[in-house]
Amino acid sequence: MRYGLLVVLICLAIAGDLGVYIAMHNDSFESFDPLRPATLLPIVANRFCEHYPQVCDGLRDLADKLAAPYREHPPTRESD
């Protein structure tokens, strides 16, 4: 059963790739720019770069809140 599903998934992937290849066969590659792909990747990358500092600040604040109880009361050494 496992191998059957694997074969079906591979066949679907090959059929999808062939479909895209056949559909784009006559399209020219002049407008193709590998540095700016026509996908959501550039949008996601820009949003990630915009929100990265905010996320880092939030994580630092969370780490400070979690570590605060341990910083306020340092362990003391009691002599007997």
Protein backbone atom coordinates (compact mmCIF):
# COMPACT_ATOMS: atom_id res chain seq x y z
CA MET A 1 0.00 0.00 0.00
CA ARG A 2 2.84 2.35 0.89
CA TYR A 3 4.63 1.78 -2.38
CA GLY A 4 1.40 2.15 -4.32
CA LEU A 5 0.84 5.61 -2.85
CA LEU A 6 4.43 6.52 -3.59
CA VAL A 7 4.07 5.45 -7.22
CA VAL A 8 0.82 7.42 -7.56
CA LEU A 9 2.45 10.55 -6.11
CA ILE A 10 5.45 10.23 -8.42
CA CYS A 11 3.16 9.75 -11.43
CA LEU A 12 1.14 12.83 -10.46
CA ALA A 13 4.31 14.88 -10.08
CA ILE A 14 5.59 13.76 -13.49
CA ALA A 15 2.21 14.45 -15.10
CA GLY A 16 2.12 17.91 -13.53
CA ASP A 17 5.64 18.71 -14.73
CA LEU A 18 4.88 17.48 -18.23
CA GLY A 19 1.67 19.50 -18.28
CA VAL A 20 3.54 22.67 -17.36
CA TYR A 21 6.24 21.89 -19.93
CA ILE A 22 3.69 21.34 -22.70
CA ALA A 23 1.69 24.45 -21.75
CA MET A 24 4.78 26.66 -21.73
CA HIS A 25 6.51 25.09 -24.71
CA ASN A 26 5.93 28.03 -27.07
CA ASP A 27 6.55 30.75 -24.48
CA SER A 28 9.74 32.70 -24.85
CA PHE A 29 12.27 32.83 -22.07
CA GLU A 30 13.21 36.47 -22.72
CA SER A 31 11.11 37.70 -19.83
CA PHE A 32 12.51 35.10 -17.47
CA ASP A 33 14.54 36.65 -14.67
CA PRO A 34 16.06 34.08 -12.27
CA LEU A 35 16.75 36.78 -9.66
CA ARG A 36 13.07 37.76 -9.49
CA PRO A 37 10.93 34.65 -9.80
CA ALA A 38 7.21 35.02 -10.46
CA THR A 39 6.13 33.33 -7.27
CA LEU A 40 5.17 34.34 -3.77
CA LEU A 41 8.75 33.83 -2.62
CA PRO A 42 9.82 37.48 -3.05
CA ILE A 43 6.71 38.67 -1.19
CA VAL A 44 7.34 36.26 1.68
CA ALA A 45 11.03 37.20 1.79
CA ASN A 46 10.20 40.92 1.98
CA ARG A 47 7.66 40.34 4.75
CA PHE A 48 10.17 38.20 6.63
CA CYS A 49 12.81 40.95 6.40
CA GLU A 50 10.28 43.53 7.62
CA HIS A 51 9.10 41.52 10.62
CA TYR A 52 12.38 39.86 11.63
CA PRO A 53 13.49 42.67 14.01
CA GLN A 54 10.06 42.75 15.67
CA VAL A 55 10.13 39.00 16.22
CA CYS A 56 13.66 39.18 17.65
CA ASP A 57 12.63 41.93 20.07
CA GLY A 58 9.59 39.91 21.13
CA LEU A 59 11.72 36.82 21.74
CA ARG A 60 14.23 38.85 23.76
CA ASP A 61 11.41 40.25 25.90
CA LEU A 62 10.00 36.77 26.43
CA ALA A 63 13.42 35.42 27.40
CA ASP A 64 13.90 38.31 29.84
CA LYS A 65 10.51 37.65 31.44
CA LEU A 66 11.24 33.95 31.79
CA ALA A 67 14.72 34.51 33.20
CA ALA A 68 13.77 37.41 35.51
CA PRO A 69 12.89 35.27 38.56
CA TYR A 70 16.27 33.60 38.41
CA ARG A 71 18.10 36.91 38.12
CA GLU A 72 16.35 38.55 41.04
CA HIS A 73 17.29 35.89 43.56
CA PRO A 74 20.80 34.65 42.86
CA PRO A 75 21.70 31.49 44.74
CA THR A 76 23.52 32.21 47.96
CA ARG A 77 25.99 29.96 49.66
CA GLU A 78 25.23 29.32 53.28
CA SER A 79 28.06 28.37 55.55
CA ASP A 80 27.40 25.87 58.34
